[in-house]
């Protein structure tokens, strides 16, 4: 006969066997994984909230004049004292402007452009996707072929072309990035709509006499909202990088309005002598995009019931 493990307690006949799943190491094996997943969720949220607070409150505290110059304060490294006695924590640029107010103003502009772009592209793309997925037929064929044609072009090249045609302004940047982003939302909304409209609860609603708008509002929209929210979180980083790229090429935010892309472009000729002008805004942009990407991946994992890591 084989020895029965000590962790197995045999009960009376007809009673279930209790197995002691707790080991000698203390907490369950899944605790470190849950802790890591909580960190993956809350650390990016904390960083993004800090950026939003800096973009909203920072420009009020640290005044920034885009046309102000100071010859005596040109190209000062981080931590230097300005002529008026104030401290330039991140240094100054080639005309003597403090980098910290520029970066905080750039955070406000970039986050505002990203949020407005995703809102506009999400509404338009979701409406088109739901329309195509629910109706199908010729409407679906025409609109989805247009989306396929647009997705065939590199998005940044299309954004450069549209921005060059529309001109340089904050509104035009939002319109440009919305034009290049809506097919992604439309594709996701269409797929979710086609999967939802044939479900039992949608068929039951139609059997009871519900109209198309009632089915879309009460059955399709709740199913579409969660995937679109995840897609919006993932796309936020790409939109902000695209806005910075357009501003770097002088096709996005006007020169008088500070943005991360404009600040990086101002320092590209001073990388050898004043590296902080382009490097610090680049690191700030990279940190924000990485946190948004990590948050989007975590939200996608949590919203997908088929993933084993949930």
Protein backbone atom coordinates (compact mmCIF):
# COMPACT_ATOMS: atom_id res chain seq x y z
CA UNK A 1 0.00 0.00 0.00
CA UNK A 2 1.12 3.50 -0.76
CA UNK A 3 1.44 6.09 1.94
CA UNK A 4 -1.27 8.72 2.09
CA UNK A 5 0.15 12.28 2.04
CA UNK A 6 -0.14 14.14 5.30
CA UNK A 7 -1.90 17.05 3.57
CA UNK A 8 -4.89 14.78 2.74
CA UNK A 9 -7.39 14.21 5.54
CA UNK A 10 -9.59 11.18 4.93
CA UNK A 11 -13.18 11.59 6.03
CA UNK A 12 -15.86 9.12 6.82
CA UNK A 13 -17.46 7.10 4.03
CA UNK A 14 -19.79 9.24 1.97
CA UNK A 15 -18.13 12.45 3.08
CA UNK A 16 -15.97 14.57 0.75
CA UNK A 17 -12.23 14.45 1.18
CA UNK A 18 -10.74 17.73 2.40
CA UNK A 19 -7.42 18.67 0.88
CA UNK A 20 -5.26 21.24 2.63
CA UNK A 21 -4.16 23.58 -0.14
CA UNK A 22 -2.18 25.87 2.12
CA UNK A 23 1.52 25.21 2.19
CA UNK A 24 4.14 25.90 4.80
CA UNK A 25 5.15 29.11 3.02
CA UNK A 26 2.17 31.14 4.29
CA UNK A 27 0.04 32.98 1.69
CA UNK A 28 -1.46 31.26 -1.35
CA UNK A 29 0.61 30.95 -4.50
CA UNK A 30 -1.61 33.38 -6.41
CA UNK A 31 -0.97 36.32 -4.05
CA UNK A 32 2.24 37.60 -5.74
CA UNK A 33 0.53 37.47 -9.13
CA UNK A 34 -2.45 39.43 -7.85
CA UNK A 35 -0.11 41.94 -6.26
CA UNK A 36 1.78 42.40 -9.52
CA UNK A 37 -1.49 42.88 -11.39
CA UNK A 38 -2.62 45.49 -8.90
CA UNK A 39 0.68 47.31 -9.37
CA UNK A 40 0.28 47.12 -13.15
CA UNK A 41 -3.08 48.83 -12.76
CA UNK A 42 -2.51 51.43 -10.08
CA UNK A 43 1.01 52.63 -10.89
CA UNK A 44 0.10 53.73 -14.44
CA UNK A 45 -3.12 55.30 -13.13
CA UNK A 46 -1.13 57.25 -10.54
CA UNK A 47 1.37 58.49 -13.13
CA UNK A 48 -1.38 59.51 -15.58
CA UNK A 49 -3.26 61.35 -12.81
CA UNK A 50 -0.02 63.17 -11.91
CA UNK A 51 0.37 64.26 -15.53
CA UNK A 52 -3.22 65.47 -15.67
CA UNK A 53 -2.83 67.42 -12.42
CA UNK A 54 0.43 68.94 -13.64
CA UNK A 55 -1.23 69.92 -16.91
CA UNK A 56 -4.23 71.51 -15.18
CA UNK A 57 -2.66 73.15 -12.12
CA UNK A 58 0.96 73.54 -13.24
CA UNK A 59 0.42 76.31 -15.82
CA UNK A 60 -1.57 78.28 -13.24
CA UNK A 61 1.27 78.12 -10.71
CA UNK A 62 4.20 78.50 -13.13
CA UNK A 63 3.41 81.23 -15.61
CA UNK A 64 4.75 80.72 -19.12
CA UNK A 65 5.19 83.41 -21.74
CA UNK A 66 5.92 81.88 -25.16
CA UNK A 67 7.39 85.11 -26.53
CA UNK A 68 9.48 86.09 -23.48
CA UNK A 69 13.26 85.92 -23.92
CA UNK A 70 16.23 86.38 -21.61
CA UNK A 71 19.70 86.51 -23.12
CA UNK A 72 21.42 86.10 -19.74
CA UNK A 73 19.44 82.91 -19.00
CA UNK A 74 20.13 81.12 -22.29
CA UNK A 75 21.04 77.41 -22.26
CA UNK A 76 21.27 77.07 -18.48
CA UNK A 77 21.52 73.45 -17.25
CA UNK A 78 18.96 71.93 -14.86
CA UNK A 79 19.10 73.34 -11.34
CA UNK A 80 20.47 76.75 -12.35
CA UNK A 81 19.43 80.09 -10.93
CA UNK A 82 17.83 82.60 -13.27
CA UNK A 83 18.58 86.31 -13.35
CA UNK A 84 15.49 87.07 -11.25
CA UNK A 85 16.59 84.61 -8.56
CA UNK A 86 14.15 81.82 -9.39
CA UNK A 87 15.27 78.23 -9.83
CA UNK A 88 15.11 76.52 -13.23
CA UNK A 89 14.67 72.90 -12.17
CA UNK A 90 14.85 71.57 -15.74
CA UNK A 91 17.07 74.26 -17.23
CA UNK A 92 16.33 76.81 -19.95
CA UNK A 93 16.14 76.72 -23.72
CA UNK A 94 18.00 78.67 -26.41
CA UNK A 95 16.07 81.92 -25.73
CA UNK A 96 16.12 81.71 -21.93
CA UNK A 97 12.66 80.22 -21.27
CA UNK A 98 12.24 77.83 -18.35
CA UNK A 99 11.62 74.25 -19.52
CA UNK A 100 9.40 73.22 -16.59
CA UNK A 101 6.49 75.57 -17.46
CA UNK A 102 6.85 74.56 -21.12
CA UNK A 103 6.55 70.87 -20.26
CA UNK A 104 3.54 71.45 -18.00
CA UNK A 105 1.84 73.53 -20.69
CA UNK A 106 2.74 70.81 -23.20
CA UNK A 107 1.11 68.20 -20.96
CA UNK A 108 -2.11 70.22 -20.95
CA UNK A 109 -2.12 70.61 -24.74
CA UNK A 110 -1.14 67.01 -25.51
CA UNK A 111 -3.66 65.44 -23.12
CA UNK A 112 -6.40 67.79 -24.32
CA UNK A 113 -5.66 66.97 -27.97
CA UNK A 114 -5.53 63.24 -27.19
CA UNK A 115 -8.81 63.26 -25.27
CA UNK A 116 -10.62 65.36 -27.89
CA UNK A 117 -9.31 63.17 -30.71
CA UNK A 118 -10.40 59.94 -29.05
CA UNK A 119 -13.80 61.39 -28.18
CA UNK A 120 -14.46 62.52 -31.74
CA UNK A 121 -12.99 59.44 -33.40
CA UNK A 122 -14.70 57.15 -30.88
CA UNK A 123 -18.15 58.65 -31.44
CA UNK A 124 -17.84 58.65 -35.23
CA UNK A 125 -16.18 55.24 -35.42
CA UNK A 126 -18.61 53.62 -32.97
CA UNK A 127 -21.62 55.03 -34.83
CA UNK A 128 -20.32 53.78 -38.18
CA UNK A 129 -19.32 50.41 -36.76
CA UNK A 130 -22.69 49.82 -35.08
CA UNK A 131 -24.52 50.92 -38.22
CA UNK A 132 -22.50 48.58 -40.43
CA UNK A 133 -22.67 45.66 -38.00
CA UNK A 134 -26.41 45.90 -37.41
CA UNK A 135 -27.63 46.67 -40.92
CA UNK A 136 -25.01 44.87 -43.01
CA UNK A 137 -25.57 44.76 -46.76
CA UNK A 138 -24.40 47.50 -49.09
CA UNK A 139 -23.91 50.02 -46.26
CA UNK A 140 -21.51 47.67 -44.51
CA UNK A 141 -19.67 46.85 -47.73
CA UNK A 142 -19.09 50.48 -48.76
CA UNK A 143 -18.09 51.91 -45.36
CA UNK A 144 -15.84 49.03 -44.41
CA UNK A 145 -14.08 49.11 -47.76
CA UNK A 146 -13.39 52.80 -47.17
CA UNK A 147 -12.01 51.92 -43.74
CA UNK A 148 -9.84 49.19 -45.27
CA UNK A 149 -8.46 51.61 -47.86
CA UNK A 150 -7.59 54.11 -45.15
CA UNK A 151 -5.99 51.47 -42.93
CA UNK A 152 -3.83 50.42 -45.88
CA UNK A 153 -2.00 53.77 -45.71
CA UNK A 154 0.55 54.44 -42.93
CA UNK A 155 -1.33 56.54 -40.42
CA UNK A 156 1.49 59.04 -39.82
CA UNK A 157 1.87 59.73 -43.54
CA UNK A 158 -1.87 60.24 -43.88
CA UNK A 159 -1.79 62.55 -40.85
CA UNK A 160 1.06 64.57 -42.36
CA UNK A 161 -0.84 64.92 -45.65
CA UNK A 162 -4.09 65.99 -43.98
CA UNK A 163 -2.28 68.39 -41.63
CA UNK A 164 -0.44 69.97 -44.55
CA UNK A 165 -3.76 70.54 -46.32
CA UNK A 166 -5.71 71.84 -43.30
CA UNK A 167 -2.96 73.97 -41.78
CA UNK A 168 -1.44 74.31 -38.32
CA UNK A 169 -3.88 74.71 -35.41
CA UNK A 170 -5.13 72.74 -32.43
CA UNK A 171 -8.52 72.16 -34.06
CA UNK A 172 -6.94 70.93 -37.28
CA UNK A 173 -4.70 68.55 -35.33
CA UNK A 174 -7.76 67.03 -33.62
CA UNK A 175 -9.53 66.66 -36.97
CA UNK A 176 -6.43 65.19 -38.60
CA UNK A 177 -5.85 62.58 -35.92
CA UNK A 178 -9.57 61.75 -35.77
CA UNK A 179 -9.59 61.05 -39.51
CA UNK A 180 -6.70 58.61 -39.10
CA UNK A 181 -8.13 56.91 -35.97
CA UNK A 182 -11.86 56.35 -36.58
CA UNK A 183 -11.46 53.08 -38.62
CA UNK A 184 -10.00 51.33 -35.56
CA UNK A 185 -13.06 52.14 -33.46
CA UNK A 186 -15.37 51.30 -36.35
CA UNK A 187 -13.82 47.85 -36.81
CA UNK A 188 -14.09 46.99 -33.12
CA UNK A 189 -17.67 48.29 -32.84
CA UNK A 190 -18.74 46.42 -35.98
CA UNK A 191 -17.31 43.10 -34.77
CA UNK A 192 -18.91 43.46 -31.34
CA UNK A 193 -22.25 44.47 -32.87
CA UNK A 194 -22.33 41.48 -35.20
CA UNK A 195 -21.57 39.17 -32.27
CA UNK A 196 -24.19 40.76 -30.02
CA UNK A 197 -27.16 41.19 -32.35
CA UNK A 198 -27.52 37.41 -32.76
CA UNK A 199 -27.36 36.62 -29.04
CA UNK A 200 -30.36 35.14 -27.27
CA UNK A 201 -31.23 38.25 -25.29
CA UNK A 202 -31.22 40.41 -28.46
CA UNK A 203 -33.41 37.88 -30.29
CA UNK A 204 -35.75 37.78 -27.29
CA UNK A 205 -36.06 41.56 -27.32
CA UNK A 206 -36.95 41.54 -31.02
CA UNK A 207 -39.45 38.73 -30.45
CA UNK A 208 -41.20 40.82 -27.80
CA UNK A 209 -41.61 43.64 -30.30
CA UNK A 210 -38.58 45.82 -29.57
CA UNK A 211 -37.44 48.04 -32.41
CA UNK A 212 -33.97 48.37 -33.83
CA UNK A 213 -33.12 51.46 -31.77
CA UNK A 214 -34.23 49.74 -28.55
CA UNK A 215 -32.06 46.71 -29.31
CA UNK A 216 -29.07 48.90 -30.16
CA UNK A 217 -29.46 51.06 -27.06
CA UNK A 218 -30.13 48.31 -24.53
CA UNK A 219 -28.26 45.33 -26.01
CA UNK A 220 -25.56 46.48 -28.40
CA UNK A 221 -24.26 49.65 -26.75
CA UNK A 222 -23.49 48.03 -23.36
CA UNK A 223 -21.57 45.27 -25.14
CA UNK A 224 -19.65 47.74 -27.33
CA UNK A 225 -18.74 50.20 -24.56
CA UNK A 226 -16.16 48.06 -22.77
CA UNK A 227 -14.04 47.11 -25.82
CA UNK A 228 -14.12 50.69 -27.08
CA UNK A 229 -12.93 51.97 -23.71
CA UNK A 230 -9.98 49.58 -23.81
CA UNK A 231 -9.17 50.58 -27.40
CA UNK A 232 -9.35 54.27 -26.45
CA UNK A 233 -6.89 53.72 -23.60
CA UNK A 234 -4.45 51.92 -25.88
CA UNK A 235 -4.83 54.49 -28.68
CA UNK A 236 -4.26 57.47 -26.38
CA UNK A 237 -0.52 56.91 -26.38
CA UNK A 238 -0.37 56.57 -30.17
CA UNK A 239 -2.43 59.75 -30.63
CA UNK A 240 -0.17 61.79 -28.35
CA UNK A 241 2.93 60.48 -30.14
CA UNK A 242 1.32 61.39 -33.48
CA UNK A 243 0.53 64.90 -32.20
CA UNK A 244 4.12 65.31 -31.00
CA UNK A 245 5.38 64.09 -34.38
CA UNK A 246 3.23 66.61 -36.26
CA UNK A 247 4.35 69.41 -33.92
CA UNK A 248 7.96 68.34 -34.37
CA UNK A 249 7.49 68.75 -38.13
CA UNK A 250 5.76 72.15 -37.63
CA UNK A 251 2.49 70.69 -38.94
CA UNK A 252 0.65 70.36 -35.65
CA UNK A 253 0.41 72.81 -32.76
CA UNK A 254 1.27 76.40 -33.79
CA UNK A 255 4.72 77.63 -32.66
CA UNK A 256 3.20 80.05 -30.13
CA UNK A 257 1.49 77.20 -28.26
CA UNK A 258 3.88 74.98 -26.27
CA UNK A 259 3.72 71.23 -26.78
CA UNK A 260 6.08 68.35 -26.20
CA UNK A 261 6.79 67.97 -29.91
CA UNK A 262 7.55 71.68 -30.36
CA UNK A 263 9.88 71.71 -27.35
CA UNK A 264 11.75 68.66 -28.63
CA UNK A 265 12.06 70.31 -32.04
CA UNK A 266 13.50 73.45 -30.43
CA UNK A 267 16.30 71.43 -28.88
CA UNK A 268 17.30 69.25 -31.84
CA UNK A 269 20.06 71.69 -32.84
CA UNK A 270 21.48 71.80 -29.32
CA UNK A 271 21.86 68.11 -28.50
CA UNK A 272 25.63 68.41 -28.07
CA UNK A 273 25.69 71.61 -25.99
CA UNK A 274 22.27 71.66 -24.27
CA UNK A 275 20.95 68.10 -24.27
CA UNK A 276 18.22 68.81 -21.70
CA UNK A 277 16.11 70.90 -24.09
CA UNK A 278 15.12 67.88 -26.20
CA UNK A 279 15.94 65.00 -23.85
CA UNK A 280 13.79 65.91 -20.86
CA UNK A 281 10.56 66.50 -22.86
CA UNK A 282 11.30 63.30 -24.76
CA UNK A 283 11.62 61.32 -21.53
CA UNK A 284 8.42 62.89 -20.19
CA UNK A 285 6.59 61.92 -23.38
CA UNK A 286 8.02 58.39 -23.33
CA UNK A 287 7.05 57.84 -19.67
CA UNK A 288 3.48 58.95 -20.31
CA UNK A 289 3.09 56.76 -23.40
CA UNK A 290 4.54 53.71 -21.61
CA UNK A 291 2.16 54.15 -18.65
CA UNK A 292 -0.82 54.53 -20.98
CA UNK A 293 0.23 51.40 -22.87
CA UNK A 294 0.63 49.35 -19.67
CA UNK A 295 -2.76 50.55 -18.43
CA UNK A 296 -4.39 49.66 -21.74
CA UNK A 297 -2.88 46.16 -21.71
CA UNK A 298 -4.04 45.58 -18.16
CA UNK A 299 -7.57 46.77 -18.92
CA UNK A 300 -7.65 44.52 -21.98
CA UNK A 301 -6.57 41.52 -19.89
CA UNK A 302 -9.17 42.24 -17.23
CA UNK A 303 -11.97 42.66 -19.77
CA UNK A 304 -11.19 39.44 -21.64
CA UNK A 305 -12.70 36.43 -19.82
CA UNK A 306 -10.81 34.00 -22.06
CA UNK A 307 -7.40 34.96 -20.71
CA UNK A 308 -6.07 32.57 -18.11
CA UNK A 309 -4.25 35.34 -16.26
CA UNK A 310 -7.45 37.01 -15.18
